[in-house]
């Protein structure tokens, strides 16, 4: 049963709604692009000072998130994001956006080139501060992931038992990160 919304959202299709929706869309996409390109100052500017980030590998302040992301990418952990158009809702000076995305990691497993892709929905909350939209929260919801050979006629030799202890929605990603942290041969 559908229940009526309690929140009054800006009417879709009005000039004001279109401008705010576009601004929030570009904020969300710009944050991800800045991360993927290593534009750390631009990435940091996307966030409100009190912003909180919650995803598979990190929970904490946006400031620490930018710093940790920069450190991780320097170590070679460099997934690229394949982005879908965000769905945006605006309510005055607050907004919510959902961005479906795939995070692509080219990796090697026992000498075999592989593609690890983690699919998730990142939910962004943003607030207009002094006329500029800033992200106040990102929460990522992991839906599924895949790990496949990058070349036809090759095979990945992974014991399914090695993946069984991880949550199904991101087991390949968790397996990969655990092996990186532990220094286990891939």
N, C-alpha and C. Protein backbone atom coordinates (compact mmCIF):
# COMPACT_ATOMS: atom_id res chain seq x y z
N UNK A 1 0.84 -1.18 0.00
CA UNK A 1 0.00 0.00 0.00
C UNK A 1 0.88 1.24 0.00
N UNK A 2 0.61 2.16 -0.90
CA UNK A 2 1.36 3.41 -0.95
C UNK A 2 0.80 4.40 0.04
N UNK A 3 1.68 5.03 0.77
CA UNK A 3 1.25 6.07 1.71
C UNK A 3 1.67 7.42 1.17
N UNK A 4 0.89 8.46 1.42
CA UNK A 4 1.26 9.79 0.91
C UNK A 4 2.54 10.28 1.57
N UNK A 5 3.33 11.03 0.82
CA UNK A 5 4.56 11.61 1.36
C UNK A 5 4.21 12.69 2.37
N UNK A 6 4.99 12.71 3.43
CA UNK A 6 4.81 13.75 4.44
C UNK A 6 5.58 15.02 4.06
N UNK A 7 6.63 14.88 3.27
CA UNK A 7 7.47 16.00 2.89
C UNK A 7 6.91 16.66 1.63
N UNK A 8 6.95 17.97 1.57
CA UNK A 8 6.51 18.69 0.38
C UNK A 8 7.76 18.99 -0.44
N UNK A 9 7.91 18.29 -1.55
CA UNK A 9 9.05 18.47 -2.43
C UNK A 9 8.74 19.58 -3.43
N UNK A 10 9.80 20.23 -3.93
CA UNK A 10 9.63 21.24 -4.96
C UNK A 10 8.93 20.60 -6.15
N UNK A 11 7.99 21.29 -6.72
CA UNK A 11 7.23 20.75 -7.84
C UNK A 11 8.14 20.47 -9.02
N UNK A 12 8.09 19.25 -9.50
CA UNK A 12 8.94 18.83 -10.61
C UNK A 12 8.53 19.60 -11.87
N UNK A 13 9.51 20.09 -12.60
CA UNK A 13 9.25 20.76 -13.86
C UNK A 13 9.21 22.27 -13.79
N UNK A 14 9.21 22.85 -12.59
CA UNK A 14 9.22 24.30 -12.49
C UNK A 14 10.65 24.80 -12.71
N UNK A 15 10.80 26.06 -13.15
CA UNK A 15 12.17 26.57 -13.36
C UNK A 15 13.04 26.49 -12.10
N UNK A 16 12.48 26.80 -10.93
CA UNK A 16 13.28 26.73 -9.70
C UNK A 16 13.69 25.30 -9.41
N UNK A 17 12.75 24.36 -9.59
CA UNK A 17 13.08 22.95 -9.34
C UNK A 17 14.13 22.46 -10.31
N UNK A 18 14.01 22.87 -11.57
CA UNK A 18 14.99 22.44 -12.57
C UNK A 18 16.38 22.95 -12.24
N UNK A 19 16.49 24.20 -11.82
CA UNK A 19 17.81 24.77 -11.48
C UNK A 19 18.41 24.06 -10.27
N UNK A 20 17.61 23.85 -9.23
CA UNK A 20 18.13 23.16 -8.04
C UNK A 20 18.47 21.71 -8.34
N UNK A 21 17.60 21.04 -9.10
CA UNK A 21 17.87 19.64 -9.47
C UNK A 21 19.17 19.53 -10.25
N UNK A 22 19.38 20.42 -11.19
CA UNK A 22 20.61 20.41 -11.98
C UNK A 22 21.83 20.70 -11.11
N UNK A 23 21.70 21.65 -10.20
CA UNK A 23 22.82 21.99 -9.32
C UNK A 23 23.21 20.80 -8.43
N UNK A 24 22.21 20.12 -7.87
CA UNK A 24 22.50 18.97 -7.02
C UNK A 24 23.05 17.81 -7.86
N UNK A 25 22.51 17.61 -9.05
CA UNK A 25 23.03 16.56 -9.94
C UNK A 25 24.50 16.79 -10.24
N UNK A 26 24.85 18.02 -10.59
CA UNK A 26 26.24 18.33 -10.91
C UNK A 26 27.14 18.22 -9.69
N UNK A 27 26.62 18.55 -8.51
CA UNK A 27 27.38 18.39 -7.26
C UNK A 27 27.74 16.93 -7.04
N UNK A 28 26.73 16.05 -7.15
CA UNK A 28 26.93 14.62 -6.92
C UNK A 28 27.88 14.03 -7.96
N UNK A 29 27.64 14.33 -9.23
CA UNK A 29 28.51 13.81 -10.29
C UNK A 29 29.92 14.41 -10.19
N UNK A 30 30.00 15.68 -9.82
CA UNK A 30 31.30 16.32 -9.67
C UNK A 30 32.13 15.73 -8.55
N UNK A 31 31.47 15.37 -7.45
CA UNK A 31 32.19 14.73 -6.34
C UNK A 31 32.82 13.42 -6.79
N UNK A 32 32.06 12.59 -7.50
CA UNK A 32 32.58 11.30 -8.00
C UNK A 32 33.65 11.51 -9.05
N UNK A 33 33.45 12.46 -9.97
CA UNK A 33 34.46 12.71 -11.00
C UNK A 33 35.76 13.20 -10.36
N UNK A 34 35.65 14.10 -9.39
CA UNK A 34 36.85 14.60 -8.70
C UNK A 34 37.62 13.47 -8.04
N UNK A 35 36.89 12.54 -7.43
CA UNK A 35 37.52 11.40 -6.79
C UNK A 35 38.24 10.54 -7.82
N UNK A 36 37.57 10.25 -8.92
CA UNK A 36 38.16 9.38 -9.94
C UNK A 36 39.36 10.01 -10.64
N UNK A 37 39.37 11.33 -10.73
CA UNK A 37 40.46 12.03 -11.43
C UNK A 37 41.59 12.47 -10.49
N UNK A 38 41.38 12.30 -9.18
CA UNK A 38 42.41 12.73 -8.24
C UNK A 38 42.44 14.22 -8.04
N UNK A 39 41.30 14.88 -8.22
CA UNK A 39 41.18 16.33 -7.99
C UNK A 39 40.73 16.55 -6.55
N UNK A 40 41.66 16.42 -5.62
CA UNK A 40 41.33 16.35 -4.19
C UNK A 40 40.75 17.64 -3.65
N UNK A 41 41.25 18.79 -4.08
CA UNK A 41 40.70 20.05 -3.59
C UNK A 41 39.26 20.24 -4.07
N UNK A 42 39.01 19.90 -5.33
CA UNK A 42 37.65 20.01 -5.87
C UNK A 42 36.71 19.04 -5.15
N UNK A 43 37.19 17.85 -4.85
CA UNK A 43 36.38 16.87 -4.13
C UNK A 43 36.01 17.42 -2.75
N UNK A 44 36.99 17.96 -2.04
CA UNK A 44 36.76 18.48 -0.69
C UNK A 44 35.75 19.63 -0.70
N UNK A 45 35.75 20.43 -1.74
CA UNK A 45 34.83 21.57 -1.84
C UNK A 45 33.37 21.15 -2.00
N UNK A 46 33.13 19.91 -2.35
CA UNK A 46 31.76 19.41 -2.52
C UNK A 46 31.04 19.21 -1.19
N UNK A 47 31.78 19.15 -0.08
CA UNK A 47 31.21 18.77 1.19
C UNK A 47 30.99 19.93 2.14
N UNK A 48 29.91 19.83 2.92
CA UNK A 48 29.69 20.73 4.04
C UNK A 48 30.67 20.34 5.15
N UNK A 49 31.03 21.28 6.02
CA UNK A 49 32.02 20.95 7.07
C UNK A 49 31.60 19.77 7.95
N UNK A 50 30.31 19.59 8.19
CA UNK A 50 29.84 18.51 9.08
C UNK A 50 29.51 17.22 8.35
N UNK A 51 29.84 17.11 7.08
CA UNK A 51 29.44 15.96 6.26
C UNK A 51 29.99 14.64 6.81
N UNK A 52 29.15 13.60 6.66
CA UNK A 52 29.49 12.25 7.11
C UNK A 52 29.39 11.30 5.92
N UNK A 53 30.35 10.39 5.81
CA UNK A 53 30.39 9.41 4.73
C UNK A 53 30.30 8.02 5.34
N UNK A 54 29.45 7.17 4.72
CA UNK A 54 29.28 5.79 5.21
C UNK A 54 29.22 4.86 4.01
N UNK A 55 30.30 4.10 3.81
CA UNK A 55 30.35 3.12 2.72
C UNK A 55 31.14 1.90 3.17
N UNK A 56 31.37 0.96 2.28
CA UNK A 56 31.93 -0.34 2.67
C UNK A 56 33.24 -0.22 3.43
N UNK A 57 34.11 0.64 3.02
CA UNK A 57 35.45 0.69 3.58
C UNK A 57 35.68 1.88 4.51
N UNK A 58 34.69 2.78 4.62
CA UNK A 58 34.93 3.99 5.38
C UNK A 58 33.64 4.49 6.02
N UNK A 59 33.74 4.92 7.28
CA UNK A 59 32.67 5.66 7.95
C UNK A 59 33.35 6.76 8.76
N UNK A 60 32.95 8.01 8.48
CA UNK A 60 33.56 9.12 9.20
C UNK A 60 33.29 10.44 8.50
N UNK A 61 34.11 11.43 8.83
CA UNK A 61 33.93 12.78 8.30
C UNK A 61 34.36 12.84 6.83
N UNK A 62 33.79 13.81 6.12
CA UNK A 62 34.17 14.01 4.72
C UNK A 62 35.64 14.39 4.61
N UNK A 63 36.13 15.18 5.54
CA UNK A 63 37.54 15.57 5.52
C UNK A 63 38.44 14.33 5.56
N UNK A 64 38.13 13.41 6.49
CA UNK A 64 38.92 12.18 6.59
C UNK A 64 38.70 11.28 5.38
N UNK A 65 37.50 11.30 4.83
CA UNK A 65 37.20 10.51 3.63
C UNK A 65 38.07 10.94 2.45
N UNK A 66 38.18 12.24 2.22
CA UNK A 66 39.02 12.74 1.12
C UNK A 66 40.47 12.33 1.37
N UNK A 67 40.94 12.50 2.60
CA UNK A 67 42.32 12.14 2.94
C UNK A 67 42.57 10.65 2.74
N UNK A 68 41.68 9.81 3.26
CA UNK A 68 41.85 8.36 3.13
C UNK A 68 41.74 7.91 1.68
N UNK A 69 40.86 8.52 0.92
CA UNK A 69 40.74 8.18 -0.50
C UNK A 69 42.03 8.50 -1.22
N UNK A 70 42.60 9.64 -0.91
CA UNK A 70 43.86 10.04 -1.54
C UNK A 70 44.97 9.05 -1.19
N UNK A 71 45.05 8.63 0.06
CA UNK A 71 46.07 7.65 0.48
C UNK A 71 45.87 6.31 -0.21
N UNK A 72 44.62 5.85 -0.27
CA UNK A 72 44.34 4.54 -0.89
C UNK A 72 44.69 4.55 -2.38
N UNK A 73 44.37 5.63 -3.05
CA UNK A 73 44.65 5.67 -4.48
C UNK A 73 46.16 5.74 -4.73
N UNK A 74 46.90 6.35 -3.82
CA UNK A 74 48.36 6.39 -3.95
C UNK A 74 48.95 4.99 -3.84
N UNK A 75 48.25 4.09 -3.11
CA UNK A 75 48.71 2.71 -2.95
C UNK A 75 48.24 1.81 -4.09
N UNK A 76 47.55 2.38 -5.08
CA UNK A 76 47.14 1.60 -6.24
C UNK A 76 45.73 1.05 -6.18
N UNK A 77 44.99 1.30 -5.09
CA UNK A 77 43.59 0.88 -5.02
C UNK A 77 42.79 1.99 -5.68
N UNK A 78 42.45 1.78 -6.93
CA UNK A 78 41.91 2.87 -7.72
C UNK A 78 40.73 2.41 -8.56
N UNK A 79 39.60 2.22 -7.94
CA UNK A 79 38.40 1.87 -8.69
C UNK A 79 37.86 3.10 -9.40
N UNK A 80 37.32 2.88 -10.56
CA UNK A 80 36.68 3.96 -11.33
C UNK A 80 35.18 3.76 -11.27
N UNK A 81 34.45 4.85 -11.23
CA UNK A 81 33.00 4.79 -11.11
C UNK A 81 32.32 4.96 -12.46
N UNK A 82 31.45 4.05 -12.79
CA UNK A 82 30.58 4.15 -13.96
C UNK A 82 29.25 4.66 -13.43
N UNK A 83 28.87 5.88 -13.80
CA UNK A 83 27.75 6.57 -13.17
C UNK A 83 26.49 6.56 -14.03
N UNK A 84 25.37 6.47 -13.36
CA UNK A 84 24.06 6.64 -13.98
C UNK A 84 23.56 8.03 -13.63
N UNK A 85 22.56 8.52 -14.32
CA UNK A 85 21.99 9.82 -13.94
C UNK A 85 21.39 9.75 -12.54
N UNK A 86 21.65 10.75 -11.70
CA UNK A 86 21.07 10.72 -10.36
C UNK A 86 19.59 11.10 -10.37
N UNK A 87 18.84 10.51 -9.44
CA UNK A 87 17.47 10.93 -9.18
C UNK A 87 17.56 11.93 -8.04
N UNK A 88 16.98 13.10 -8.21
CA UNK A 88 17.13 14.19 -7.24
C UNK A 88 15.77 14.68 -6.77
N UNK A 89 15.66 14.92 -5.48
CA UNK A 89 14.49 15.54 -4.88
C UNK A 89 14.96 16.74 -4.05
N UNK A 90 14.24 17.85 -4.17
CA UNK A 90 14.61 19.07 -3.47
C UNK A 90 13.46 19.50 -2.58
N UNK A 91 13.80 19.93 -1.37
CA UNK A 91 12.82 20.46 -0.43
C UNK A 91 13.44 21.72 0.19
N UNK A 92 13.15 22.87 -0.40
CA UNK A 92 13.73 24.12 0.09
C UNK A 92 15.23 24.12 -0.06
N UNK A 93 15.92 24.21 1.07
CA UNK A 93 17.39 24.23 1.06
C UNK A 93 18.00 22.87 1.36
N UNK A 94 17.19 21.81 1.29
CA UNK A 94 17.69 20.45 1.50
C UNK A 94 17.37 19.62 0.27
N UNK A 95 18.20 18.62 0.03
CA UNK A 95 17.94 17.74 -1.12
C UNK A 95 18.44 16.34 -0.82
N UNK A 96 17.91 15.42 -1.61
CA UNK A 96 18.29 14.02 -1.55
C UNK A 96 18.52 13.56 -2.98
N UNK A 97 19.59 12.83 -3.21
CA UNK A 97 19.86 12.30 -4.55
C UNK A 97 20.31 10.85 -4.41
N UNK A 98 19.89 10.04 -5.36
CA UNK A 98 20.33 8.65 -5.40
C UNK A 98 21.04 8.43 -6.72
N UNK A 99 22.23 7.87 -6.63
CA UNK A 99 23.08 7.66 -7.79
C UNK A 99 23.42 6.18 -7.90
N UNK A 100 22.87 5.53 -8.93
CA UNK A 100 23.24 4.14 -9.19
C UNK A 100 24.60 4.15 -9.87
N UNK A 101 25.48 3.24 -9.45
CA UNK A 101 26.82 3.24 -10.02
C UNK A 101 27.45 1.86 -9.95
N UNK A 102 28.46 1.68 -10.77
CA UNK A 102 29.31 0.51 -10.72
C UNK A 102 30.72 0.97 -10.46
N UNK A 103 31.42 0.30 -9.56
CA UNK A 103 32.81 0.64 -9.25
C UNK A 103 33.67 -0.45 -9.89
N UNK A 104 34.50 -0.06 -10.85
CA UNK A 104 35.27 -1.00 -11.65
C UNK A 104 36.73 -1.03 -11.19
N UNK A 105 37.21 -2.24 -10.90
CA UNK A 105 38.60 -2.44 -10.50
C UNK A 105 39.26 -3.43 -11.46
N UNK A 106 40.26 -3.02 -12.22
CA UNK A 106 41.04 -4.01 -12.97
C UNK A 106 42.05 -4.63 -12.01
N UNK A 107 41.97 -5.94 -11.80
CA UNK A 107 42.85 -6.61 -10.83
C UNK A 107 43.47 -7.84 -11.47
N UNK A 108 44.38 -8.46 -10.74
CA UNK A 108 45.00 -9.71 -11.16
C UNK A 108 44.78 -10.74 -10.06
N UNK A 109 44.32 -11.92 -10.45
CA UNK A 109 44.11 -13.02 -9.50
C UNK A 109 44.96 -14.19 -9.96
N UNK A 110 45.98 -14.52 -9.18
CA UNK A 110 46.89 -15.63 -9.52
C UNK A 110 47.42 -15.51 -10.94
N UNK A 111 47.83 -14.30 -11.31
CA UNK A 111 48.41 -14.06 -12.63
C UNK A 111 47.40 -13.87 -13.75
N UNK A 112 46.11 -13.94 -13.46
CA UNK A 112 45.07 -13.80 -14.48
C UNK A 112 44.41 -12.43 -14.35
N UNK A 113 44.39 -11.67 -15.45
CA UNK A 113 43.73 -10.36 -15.45
C UNK A 113 42.23 -10.56 -15.23
N UNK A 114 41.68 -9.74 -14.34
CA UNK A 114 40.26 -9.88 -13.99
C UNK A 114 39.62 -8.51 -13.84
N UNK A 115 38.29 -8.50 -13.97
CA UNK A 115 37.50 -7.30 -13.76
C UNK A 115 36.58 -7.52 -12.56
N UNK A 116 36.77 -6.70 -11.54
CA UNK A 116 35.91 -6.71 -10.37
C UNK A 116 34.99 -5.49 -10.47
N UNK A 117 33.69 -5.71 -10.44
CA UNK A 117 32.73 -4.61 -10.50
C UNK A 117 31.76 -4.75 -9.33
N UNK A 118 31.65 -3.68 -8.55
CA UNK A 118 30.71 -3.64 -7.44
C UNK A 118 29.61 -2.65 -7.79
N UNK A 119 28.37 -3.11 -7.71
CA UNK A 119 27.21 -2.28 -8.06
C UNK A 119 26.54 -1.80 -6.79
N UNK A 120 26.27 -0.51 -6.73
CA UNK A 120 25.63 0.03 -5.53
C UNK A 120 24.77 1.24 -5.87
N UNK A 121 24.04 1.69 -4.88
CA UNK A 121 23.28 2.94 -4.94
C UNK A 121 23.86 3.83 -3.85
N UNK A 122 24.36 4.97 -4.24
CA UNK A 122 24.84 5.93 -3.24
C UNK A 122 23.76 6.97 -3.04
N UNK A 123 23.40 7.18 -1.79
CA UNK A 123 22.38 8.16 -1.45
C UNK A 123 23.06 9.37 -0.84
N UNK A 124 22.80 10.50 -1.45
CA UNK A 124 23.41 11.77 -1.05
C UNK A 124 22.37 12.66 -0.41
N UNK A 125 22.73 13.28 0.68
CA UNK A 125 21.94 14.37 1.24
C UNK A 125 22.78 15.62 1.06
N UNK A 126 22.12 16.70 0.67
CA UNK A 126 22.83 17.96 0.45
C UNK A 126 22.02 19.10 1.04
N UNK A 127 22.72 20.19 1.31
CA UNK A 127 22.09 21.37 1.88
C UNK A 127 22.65 22.59 1.18
N UNK A 128 21.77 23.57 0.94
CA UNK A 128 22.22 24.84 0.36
C UNK A 128 22.77 25.69 1.49
N UNK A 129 24.05 26.04 1.38
CA UNK A 129 24.72 26.85 2.40
C UNK A 129 25.22 28.12 1.72
N UNK A 130 24.72 29.25 2.16
CA UNK A 130 25.09 30.54 1.56
C UNK A 130 24.95 30.52 0.05
N UNK A 131 23.86 29.90 -0.43
CA UNK A 131 23.55 29.89 -1.85
C UNK A 131 24.20 28.78 -2.66
N UNK A 132 25.05 27.95 -2.03
CA UNK A 132 25.76 26.89 -2.75
C UNK A 132 25.39 25.53 -2.15
N UNK A 133 25.08 24.57 -3.01
CA UNK A 133 24.76 23.22 -2.54
C UNK A 133 26.03 22.50 -2.11
N UNK A 134 25.97 21.85 -0.93
CA UNK A 134 27.08 21.07 -0.40
C UNK A 134 26.53 19.73 0.10
N UNK A 135 27.32 18.69 -0.06
CA UNK A 135 26.94 17.35 0.41
C UNK A 135 27.09 17.30 1.93
N UNK A 136 26.04 16.78 2.60
CA UNK A 136 26.09 16.62 4.05
C UNK A 136 26.21 15.15 4.46
N UNK A 137 25.87 14.24 3.55
CA UNK A 137 25.97 12.81 3.88
C UNK A 137 25.96 11.99 2.60
N UNK A 138 26.79 10.93 2.60
CA UNK A 138 26.72 9.90 1.55
C UNK A 138 26.59 8.56 2.27
N UNK A 139 25.61 7.80 1.85
CA UNK A 139 25.44 6.43 2.34
C UNK A 139 25.38 5.53 1.12
N UNK A 140 26.25 4.55 1.05
CA UNK A 140 26.27 3.64 -0.10
C UNK A 140 25.65 2.31 0.29
N UNK A 141 24.77 1.83 -0.56
CA UNK A 141 24.08 0.56 -0.36
C UNK A 141 24.56 -0.39 -1.45
N UNK A 142 25.29 -1.40 -1.05
CA UNK A 142 25.87 -2.34 -2.01
C UNK A 142 24.84 -3.40 -2.36
N UNK A 143 24.66 -3.63 -3.66
CA UNK A 143 23.63 -4.55 -4.14
C UNK A 143 24.20 -5.89 -4.60
N UNK A 144 25.28 -5.85 -5.35
CA UNK A 144 25.90 -7.08 -5.84
C UNK A 144 27.26 -6.73 -6.43
N UNK A 145 28.07 -7.76 -6.65
CA UNK A 145 29.32 -7.55 -7.36
C UNK A 145 29.65 -8.77 -8.20
N UNK A 146 30.57 -8.56 -9.13
CA UNK A 146 31.01 -9.63 -10.02
C UNK A 146 32.52 -9.62 -10.11
N UNK A 147 33.08 -10.81 -10.36
CA UNK A 147 34.52 -10.95 -10.58
C UNK A 147 34.68 -11.91 -11.74
N UNK A 148 35.15 -11.41 -12.86
CA UNK A 148 35.24 -12.21 -14.09
C UNK A 148 36.62 -12.06 -14.73
N UNK A 149 37.05 -13.08 -15.48
CA UNK A 149 38.31 -12.94 -16.22
C UNK A 149 38.19 -11.81 -17.24
N UNK A 150 39.26 -11.07 -17.43
CA UNK A 150 39.25 -9.97 -18.39
C UNK A 150 39.48 -10.46 -19.82
N UNK A 151 40.05 -11.64 -19.97
CA UNK A 151 40.35 -12.18 -21.29
C UNK A 151 39.53 -13.45 -21.52
N UNK A 152 38.98 -13.59 -22.73
CA UNK A 152 38.25 -14.84 -23.05
C UNK A 152 39.18 -16.05 -22.92
N UNK A 153 38.60 -17.17 -22.60
CA UNK A 153 39.29 -18.47 -22.51
C UNK A 153 40.28 -18.54 -21.34
N UNK A 154 40.15 -17.59 -20.38
CA UNK A 154 40.95 -17.70 -19.16
C UNK A 154 40.00 -18.01 -18.01
N UNK A 155 40.58 -18.45 -16.91
CA UNK A 155 39.77 -18.90 -15.78
C UNK A 155 40.35 -18.36 -14.48
N UNK A 156 39.48 -17.95 -13.57
CA UNK A 156 39.91 -17.53 -12.25
C UNK A 156 39.82 -18.72 -11.31
N UNK A 157 40.92 -19.00 -10.63
CA UNK A 157 40.95 -20.14 -9.71
C UNK A 157 40.77 -19.61 -8.28
N UNK A 158 39.51 -19.49 -7.87
CA UNK A 158 39.18 -19.00 -6.54
C UNK A 158 38.31 -20.05 -5.86
N UNK A 159 38.70 -20.44 -4.67
CA UNK A 159 37.91 -21.39 -3.90
C UNK A 159 36.66 -20.67 -3.39
N UNK A 160 35.46 -21.15 -3.74
CA UNK A 160 34.23 -20.50 -3.25
C UNK A 160 34.18 -20.36 -1.73
N UNK A 161 34.84 -21.25 -1.02
CA UNK A 161 34.88 -21.15 0.45
C UNK A 161 35.57 -19.86 0.90
N UNK A 162 36.52 -19.35 0.08
CA UNK A 162 37.21 -18.11 0.41
C UNK A 162 36.27 -16.91 0.40
N UNK A 163 35.16 -17.03 -0.32
CA UNK A 163 34.18 -15.93 -0.43
C UNK A 163 33.01 -16.09 0.52
N UNK A 164 32.84 -17.26 1.08
CA UNK A 164 31.62 -17.58 1.82
C UNK A 164 31.42 -16.77 3.10
N UNK A 165 32.47 -16.23 3.67
CA UNK A 165 32.33 -15.49 4.93
C UNK A 165 31.93 -14.04 4.76
N UNK A 166 31.76 -13.60 3.54
CA UNK A 166 31.44 -12.19 3.29
C UNK A 166 29.97 -12.02 2.90
N UNK A 167 29.44 -10.84 3.15
CA UNK A 167 28.07 -10.52 2.77
C UNK A 167 27.91 -10.66 1.26
N UNK A 168 26.85 -11.29 0.82
CA UNK A 168 26.64 -11.59 -0.59
C UNK A 168 26.64 -10.33 -1.47
N UNK A 169 26.17 -9.23 -0.95
CA UNK A 169 26.05 -8.02 -1.77
C UNK A 169 27.40 -7.40 -2.15
N UNK A 170 28.45 -7.74 -1.41
CA UNK A 170 29.78 -7.24 -1.79
C UNK A 170 30.89 -8.23 -1.44
N UNK A 171 30.63 -9.51 -1.63
CA UNK A 171 31.61 -10.52 -1.22
C UNK A 171 32.91 -10.46 -2.03
N UNK A 172 32.82 -10.22 -3.33
CA UNK A 172 34.05 -10.15 -4.14
C UNK A 172 34.88 -8.94 -3.76
N UNK A 173 34.22 -7.82 -3.54
CA UNK A 173 34.92 -6.59 -3.14
C UNK A 173 35.57 -6.78 -1.77
N UNK A 174 34.84 -7.36 -0.82
CA UNK A 174 35.40 -7.59 0.52
C UNK A 174 36.57 -8.56 0.45
N UNK A 175 36.46 -9.60 -0.34
CA UNK A 175 37.55 -10.57 -0.53
C UNK A 175 38.80 -9.87 -1.06
N UNK A 176 38.61 -9.03 -2.07
CA UNK A 176 39.71 -8.29 -2.68
C UNK A 176 40.39 -7.37 -1.65
N UNK A 177 39.58 -6.57 -0.93
CA UNK A 177 40.16 -5.65 0.05
C UNK A 177 40.86 -6.41 1.19
N UNK A 178 40.30 -7.51 1.63
CA UNK A 178 40.93 -8.30 2.69
C UNK A 178 42.28 -8.83 2.24
N UNK A 179 42.37 -9.26 1.01
CA UNK A 179 43.65 -9.76 0.49
C UNK A 179 44.67 -8.62 0.36
N UNK A 180 44.21 -7.44 0.00
CA UNK A 180 45.12 -6.30 -0.06
C UNK A 180 45.68 -5.96 1.33
N UNK A 181 44.78 -5.89 2.30
CA UNK A 181 45.17 -5.52 3.67
C UNK A 181 46.11 -6.56 4.27
N UNK A 182 45.82 -7.83 4.03
CA UNK A 182 46.63 -8.90 4.63
C UNK A 182 47.91 -9.19 3.85
N UNK A 183 48.01 -8.62 2.63
CA UNK A 183 49.19 -8.87 1.82
C UNK A 183 49.19 -10.26 1.19
N UNK A 184 48.03 -10.91 1.15
CA UNK A 184 47.91 -12.25 0.55
C UNK A 184 48.14 -12.16 -0.94
N UNK A 185 48.90 -13.09 -1.46
CA UNK A 185 49.17 -13.18 -2.90
C UNK A 185 47.86 -13.28 -3.66
N UNK A 186 47.74 -12.49 -4.71
CA UNK A 186 46.54 -12.58 -5.54
C UNK A 186 46.93 -13.27 -6.79
